N, C-alpha and C. Protein backbone atom coordinates (compact mmCIF):
# COMPACT_ATOMS: atom_id res chain seq x y z
N UNK A 1 66.13 49.18 78.45
CA UNK A 1 66.96 49.72 77.40
C UNK A 1 67.22 48.62 76.39
N UNK A 2 67.07 48.94 75.12
CA UNK A 2 67.28 47.98 74.05
C UNK A 2 68.24 48.61 73.05
N UNK A 3 69.53 48.35 73.23
CA UNK A 3 70.53 48.93 72.34
C UNK A 3 71.62 47.90 72.11
N UNK A 4 72.06 47.80 70.85
CA UNK A 4 73.10 46.85 70.50
C UNK A 4 74.11 47.54 69.59
N UNK A 5 75.39 47.21 69.78
CA UNK A 5 76.46 47.70 68.92
C UNK A 5 77.29 46.50 68.53
N UNK A 6 77.48 46.30 67.21
CA UNK A 6 78.20 45.14 66.69
C UNK A 6 79.21 45.58 65.65
N UNK A 7 80.30 44.84 65.55
CA UNK A 7 81.25 44.99 64.46
C UNK A 7 81.48 43.61 63.89
N UNK A 8 81.33 43.51 62.57
CA UNK A 8 81.52 42.22 61.93
C UNK A 8 81.61 42.36 60.42
N UNK A 9 81.81 41.22 59.76
CA UNK A 9 81.93 41.19 58.30
C UNK A 9 80.67 40.59 57.69
N UNK A 10 80.24 41.17 56.57
CA UNK A 10 79.05 40.68 55.88
C UNK A 10 79.28 39.24 55.41
N UNK A 11 78.27 38.40 55.59
CA UNK A 11 78.35 37.01 55.15
C UNK A 11 77.86 36.84 53.72
N UNK A 12 77.14 37.84 53.21
CA UNK A 12 76.68 37.86 51.82
C UNK A 12 76.30 39.30 51.46
N UNK A 13 76.10 39.56 50.19
CA UNK A 13 75.71 40.90 49.74
C UNK A 13 74.33 41.26 50.30
N UNK A 14 74.10 42.54 50.63
CA UNK A 14 72.77 42.96 51.10
C UNK A 14 71.71 42.76 50.02
N UNK A 15 70.51 42.43 50.45
CA UNK A 15 69.36 42.29 49.55
C UNK A 15 68.38 43.40 49.90
N UNK A 16 68.00 44.21 48.89
CA UNK A 16 67.08 45.32 49.12
C UNK A 16 65.75 45.04 48.44
N UNK A 17 64.69 45.29 49.18
CA UNK A 17 63.33 45.24 48.64
C UNK A 17 62.65 46.54 49.05
N UNK A 18 61.53 46.85 48.44
CA UNK A 18 60.81 48.08 48.74
C UNK A 18 59.42 47.75 49.28
N UNK A 19 58.99 48.53 50.27
CA UNK A 19 57.65 48.35 50.81
C UNK A 19 56.64 48.80 49.78
N UNK A 20 55.42 48.32 49.92
CA UNK A 20 54.35 48.76 49.02
C UNK A 20 53.64 49.94 49.65
N UNK A 21 52.98 50.73 48.84
CA UNK A 21 52.27 51.89 49.35
C UNK A 21 52.59 53.12 48.53
N UNK A 22 52.07 54.26 48.95
CA UNK A 22 52.26 55.49 48.20
C UNK A 22 53.72 55.92 48.15
N UNK A 23 54.41 55.78 49.25
CA UNK A 23 55.84 56.14 49.30
C UNK A 23 56.65 54.91 49.70
N UNK A 24 57.11 54.14 48.71
CA UNK A 24 57.88 52.92 49.03
C UNK A 24 59.17 53.26 49.80
N UNK A 25 59.52 52.40 50.74
CA UNK A 25 60.72 52.56 51.55
C UNK A 25 61.63 51.36 51.29
N UNK A 26 62.91 51.64 51.08
CA UNK A 26 63.89 50.56 50.87
C UNK A 26 64.13 49.84 52.19
N UNK A 27 64.23 48.52 52.12
CA UNK A 27 64.54 47.69 53.28
C UNK A 27 65.66 46.74 52.88
N UNK A 28 66.83 46.89 53.51
CA UNK A 28 67.97 46.01 53.22
C UNK A 28 68.08 44.97 54.33
N UNK A 29 68.42 43.77 53.93
CA UNK A 29 68.64 42.68 54.89
C UNK A 29 69.96 42.01 54.56
N UNK A 30 70.72 41.73 55.61
CA UNK A 30 71.97 40.98 55.47
C UNK A 30 72.36 40.45 56.83
N UNK A 31 73.35 39.60 56.88
CA UNK A 31 73.85 39.12 58.16
C UNK A 31 75.35 39.41 58.23
N UNK A 32 75.85 39.47 59.45
CA UNK A 32 77.27 39.69 59.66
C UNK A 32 77.82 38.60 60.57
N UNK A 33 79.10 38.35 60.43
CA UNK A 33 79.79 37.40 61.30
C UNK A 33 80.49 38.21 62.40
N UNK A 34 80.12 37.97 63.63
CA UNK A 34 80.69 38.66 64.78
C UNK A 34 81.45 37.63 65.61
N UNK A 35 82.75 37.83 65.73
CA UNK A 35 83.57 36.87 66.48
C UNK A 35 83.27 36.95 67.96
N UNK A 36 83.25 35.78 68.59
CA UNK A 36 83.10 35.71 70.05
C UNK A 36 84.47 35.83 70.68
N UNK A 37 84.52 36.36 71.91
CA UNK A 37 85.81 36.37 72.61
C UNK A 37 86.26 34.92 72.82
N UNK A 38 87.56 34.67 72.66
CA UNK A 38 88.05 33.30 72.80
C UNK A 38 89.02 33.20 73.96
N UNK A 39 89.06 32.03 74.53
CA UNK A 39 90.04 31.73 75.58
C UNK A 39 91.28 31.17 74.92
N UNK A 40 92.39 31.31 75.55
CA UNK A 40 93.64 30.78 75.02
C UNK A 40 93.49 29.29 74.73
N UNK A 41 93.89 28.90 73.53
CA UNK A 41 93.82 27.50 73.14
C UNK A 41 92.49 27.06 72.57
N UNK A 42 91.50 27.94 72.57
CA UNK A 42 90.18 27.59 72.04
C UNK A 42 90.08 27.94 70.57
N UNK A 43 89.15 27.28 69.89
CA UNK A 43 88.89 27.60 68.48
C UNK A 43 88.06 28.87 68.40
N UNK A 44 88.26 29.61 67.28
CA UNK A 44 87.45 30.80 67.05
C UNK A 44 86.01 30.39 66.81
N UNK A 45 85.08 31.20 67.33
CA UNK A 45 83.66 30.99 67.11
C UNK A 45 83.04 32.33 66.75
N UNK A 46 81.89 32.27 66.07
CA UNK A 46 81.22 33.50 65.66
C UNK A 46 79.71 33.35 65.78
N UNK A 47 79.05 34.48 65.89
CA UNK A 47 77.60 34.55 65.82
C UNK A 47 77.24 35.25 64.51
N UNK A 48 76.03 35.01 64.02
CA UNK A 48 75.63 35.53 62.71
C UNK A 48 74.28 36.24 62.81
N UNK A 49 74.23 37.42 63.43
CA UNK A 49 72.95 38.11 63.56
C UNK A 49 72.45 38.65 62.22
N UNK A 50 71.14 38.62 62.05
CA UNK A 50 70.50 39.20 60.87
C UNK A 50 70.27 40.69 61.12
N UNK A 51 70.58 41.51 60.10
CA UNK A 51 70.50 42.96 60.21
C UNK A 51 69.43 43.46 59.25
N UNK A 52 68.62 44.44 59.70
CA UNK A 52 67.60 45.07 58.86
C UNK A 52 67.86 46.57 58.88
N UNK A 53 67.91 47.18 57.69
CA UNK A 53 68.19 48.62 57.55
C UNK A 53 67.12 49.24 56.65
N UNK A 54 66.71 50.46 56.95
CA UNK A 54 65.63 51.11 56.21
C UNK A 54 66.09 52.38 55.49
N UNK A 55 65.32 52.76 54.46
CA UNK A 55 65.47 54.06 53.79
C UNK A 55 66.73 54.21 52.97
N UNK A 56 67.23 55.45 52.95
CA UNK A 56 68.42 55.78 52.16
C UNK A 56 69.63 54.96 52.63
N UNK A 57 69.69 54.71 53.93
CA UNK A 57 70.78 53.91 54.47
C UNK A 57 70.78 52.50 53.86
N UNK A 58 69.59 51.95 53.64
CA UNK A 58 69.46 50.63 53.02
C UNK A 58 69.98 50.66 51.58
N UNK A 59 69.64 51.72 50.85
CA UNK A 59 70.12 51.85 49.48
C UNK A 59 71.64 51.99 49.43
N UNK A 60 72.21 52.72 50.38
CA UNK A 60 73.67 52.86 50.45
C UNK A 60 74.33 51.52 50.76
N UNK A 61 73.72 50.73 51.62
CA UNK A 61 74.26 49.41 51.93
C UNK A 61 74.29 48.55 50.67
N UNK A 62 73.21 48.59 49.89
CA UNK A 62 73.16 47.80 48.66
C UNK A 62 74.24 48.27 47.68
N UNK A 63 74.44 49.57 47.59
CA UNK A 63 75.38 50.13 46.62
C UNK A 63 76.84 49.91 47.02
N UNK A 64 77.17 50.07 48.29
CA UNK A 64 78.58 50.11 48.71
C UNK A 64 79.07 48.88 49.45
N UNK A 65 78.18 48.05 49.99
CA UNK A 65 78.63 46.90 50.77
C UNK A 65 78.60 45.62 49.95
N UNK A 66 79.57 44.78 50.21
CA UNK A 66 79.67 43.48 49.57
C UNK A 66 80.06 42.45 50.63
N UNK A 67 79.91 41.20 50.30
CA UNK A 67 80.30 40.11 51.18
C UNK A 67 81.76 40.31 51.62
N UNK A 68 82.01 40.15 52.93
CA UNK A 68 83.36 40.27 53.46
C UNK A 68 83.72 41.64 53.99
N UNK A 69 82.93 42.67 53.69
CA UNK A 69 83.23 44.02 54.16
C UNK A 69 82.98 44.14 55.66
N UNK A 70 83.84 44.92 56.32
CA UNK A 70 83.71 45.15 57.76
C UNK A 70 82.77 46.32 58.00
N UNK A 71 81.78 46.12 58.88
CA UNK A 71 80.82 47.18 59.21
C UNK A 71 80.61 47.26 60.72
N UNK A 72 80.23 48.44 61.15
CA UNK A 72 79.79 48.67 62.52
C UNK A 72 78.30 48.94 62.48
N UNK A 73 77.56 48.31 63.36
CA UNK A 73 76.10 48.44 63.39
C UNK A 73 75.69 48.90 64.78
N UNK A 74 74.82 49.91 64.84
CA UNK A 74 74.18 50.23 66.12
C UNK A 74 72.68 50.26 65.88
N UNK A 75 71.94 49.75 66.83
CA UNK A 75 70.49 49.67 66.67
C UNK A 75 69.85 48.98 67.85
N UNK A 76 68.79 48.25 67.57
CA UNK A 76 68.04 47.57 68.63
C UNK A 76 67.69 46.16 68.18
N UNK A 77 67.44 45.31 69.14
CA UNK A 77 67.04 43.93 68.86
C UNK A 77 65.52 43.87 68.82
N UNK A 78 65.01 43.17 67.83
CA UNK A 78 63.56 42.98 67.73
C UNK A 78 63.29 41.50 67.46
N UNK A 79 62.33 40.96 68.16
CA UNK A 79 61.95 39.57 67.96
C UNK A 79 60.59 39.51 67.30
N UNK A 80 60.32 38.40 66.66
CA UNK A 80 59.02 38.21 66.01
C UNK A 80 58.76 36.74 65.83
N UNK A 81 57.62 36.44 65.25
CA UNK A 81 57.28 35.06 64.97
C UNK A 81 56.29 35.02 63.81
N UNK A 82 56.28 33.88 63.15
CA UNK A 82 55.30 33.65 62.09
C UNK A 82 55.05 32.16 61.99
N UNK A 83 53.94 31.80 61.38
CA UNK A 83 53.57 30.39 61.23
C UNK A 83 53.95 29.91 59.83
N UNK A 84 54.59 28.76 59.76
CA UNK A 84 54.89 28.13 58.48
C UNK A 84 53.59 27.56 57.90
N UNK A 85 53.66 27.12 56.65
CA UNK A 85 52.49 26.53 56.00
C UNK A 85 51.98 25.31 56.77
N UNK A 86 52.95 24.58 57.38
CA UNK A 86 52.59 23.38 58.13
C UNK A 86 51.99 23.70 59.49
N UNK A 87 52.01 24.99 59.88
CA UNK A 87 51.46 25.40 61.16
C UNK A 87 52.50 25.57 62.26
N UNK A 88 53.75 25.18 61.99
CA UNK A 88 54.80 25.34 62.99
C UNK A 88 55.14 26.82 63.17
N UNK A 89 55.38 27.23 64.39
CA UNK A 89 55.77 28.61 64.68
C UNK A 89 57.28 28.76 64.51
N UNK A 90 57.70 29.84 63.87
CA UNK A 90 59.11 30.16 63.69
C UNK A 90 59.37 31.46 64.43
N UNK A 91 60.36 31.46 65.31
CA UNK A 91 60.72 32.64 66.08
C UNK A 91 61.99 33.24 65.49
N UNK A 92 61.99 34.55 65.32
CA UNK A 92 63.15 35.22 64.73
C UNK A 92 63.65 36.35 65.63
N UNK A 93 64.94 36.60 65.57
CA UNK A 93 65.55 37.72 66.26
C UNK A 93 66.40 38.47 65.24
N UNK A 94 66.17 39.79 65.12
CA UNK A 94 66.89 40.60 64.16
C UNK A 94 67.39 41.87 64.84
N UNK A 95 68.43 42.45 64.26
CA UNK A 95 68.92 43.74 64.71
C UNK A 95 68.41 44.79 63.73
N UNK A 96 67.60 45.72 64.21
CA UNK A 96 67.12 46.83 63.39
C UNK A 96 68.12 47.96 63.55
N UNK A 97 68.88 48.23 62.48
CA UNK A 97 69.98 49.17 62.55
C UNK A 97 69.50 50.62 62.43
N UNK A 98 69.97 51.45 63.36
CA UNK A 98 69.78 52.89 63.27
C UNK A 98 70.93 53.52 62.49
N UNK A 99 72.09 52.88 62.59
CA UNK A 99 73.28 53.42 61.96
C UNK A 99 74.17 52.28 61.47
N UNK A 100 74.67 52.43 60.24
CA UNK A 100 75.60 51.46 59.66
C UNK A 100 76.86 52.23 59.28
N UNK A 101 77.98 51.84 59.85
CA UNK A 101 79.27 52.48 59.55
C UNK A 101 80.07 51.55 58.65
N UNK A 102 80.53 52.07 57.52
CA UNK A 102 81.38 51.30 56.63
C UNK A 102 82.81 51.42 57.15
N UNK A 103 83.40 50.33 57.62
CA UNK A 103 84.70 50.39 58.30
C UNK A 103 85.89 50.04 57.42
N UNK A 104 85.66 49.45 56.26
CA UNK A 104 86.77 49.24 55.33
C UNK A 104 86.27 49.38 53.91
N UNK A 105 87.21 49.65 53.02
CA UNK A 105 86.91 49.87 51.61
C UNK A 105 87.90 49.07 50.79
N UNK A 106 87.62 48.90 49.50
CA UNK A 106 88.54 48.22 48.61
C UNK A 106 89.85 48.98 48.56
N UNK A 107 90.97 48.27 48.62
CA UNK A 107 92.29 48.90 48.60
C UNK A 107 92.60 49.56 47.27
N UNK A 108 91.98 49.13 46.18
CA UNK A 108 92.29 49.65 44.86
C UNK A 108 91.64 51.00 44.58
N UNK A 109 90.78 51.48 45.47
CA UNK A 109 90.05 52.71 45.23
C UNK A 109 90.98 53.91 45.22
N UNK A 110 90.80 54.81 44.25
CA UNK A 110 91.62 56.02 44.21
C UNK A 110 91.16 56.98 45.30
N UNK A 111 92.04 57.94 45.68
CA UNK A 111 91.68 58.89 46.72
C UNK A 111 90.49 59.74 46.31
N UNK A 112 90.40 60.12 45.02
CA UNK A 112 89.27 60.93 44.57
C UNK A 112 87.96 60.17 44.74
N UNK A 113 87.98 58.93 44.34
CA UNK A 113 86.77 58.11 44.45
C UNK A 113 86.42 57.89 45.92
N UNK A 114 87.42 57.66 46.76
CA UNK A 114 87.18 57.42 48.18
C UNK A 114 86.55 58.65 48.83
N UNK A 115 87.01 59.85 48.49
CA UNK A 115 86.44 61.04 49.11
C UNK A 115 85.01 61.26 48.66
N UNK A 116 84.67 60.91 47.41
CA UNK A 116 83.28 61.06 46.97
C UNK A 116 82.38 60.06 47.68
N UNK A 117 82.88 58.86 47.95
CA UNK A 117 82.11 57.86 48.69
C UNK A 117 81.91 58.33 50.12
N UNK A 118 82.94 58.91 50.74
CA UNK A 118 82.81 59.43 52.10
C UNK A 118 81.76 60.52 52.16
N UNK A 119 81.70 61.37 51.14
CA UNK A 119 80.71 62.44 51.11
C UNK A 119 79.29 61.86 51.07
N UNK A 120 79.10 60.81 50.27
CA UNK A 120 77.80 60.15 50.21
C UNK A 120 77.47 59.56 51.57
N UNK A 121 78.46 58.94 52.20
CA UNK A 121 78.25 58.30 53.49
C UNK A 121 77.85 59.34 54.54
N UNK A 122 78.51 60.50 54.56
CA UNK A 122 78.20 61.53 55.55
C UNK A 122 76.78 62.06 55.35
N UNK A 123 76.37 62.25 54.10
CA UNK A 123 75.02 62.78 53.85
C UNK A 123 73.93 61.79 54.23
N UNK A 124 74.19 60.51 54.06
CA UNK A 124 73.14 59.52 54.24
C UNK A 124 72.95 59.09 55.68
N UNK A 125 73.89 59.35 56.51
CA UNK A 125 73.76 58.88 57.89
C UNK A 125 73.54 60.06 58.77
């Protein structure tokens, strides 16, 4: 079984690119800060997993998410590798998101605007 569920804050704005081909697909990439459980008297620590999102969900992430926003991610872990120009192998681990939940919004948003954003969110996920 390969399933992961994370809650954390974006460390930077999502970056979206499109695949090449007859039907381009949006691919969003960003990372989140996920706090580790702490023991009494210990300093806070966090992990920073890289997240990959596809399709309409990726476009919604680009449009509605900003650095610092709280999100819930469910998906799977995928590992890969590639060779640098110098020949060194680089190993990567990413979370491929099946679902991205927007858990907080700007406080200044009006109720009308918030409900229209919720409608977009419901349709896209």
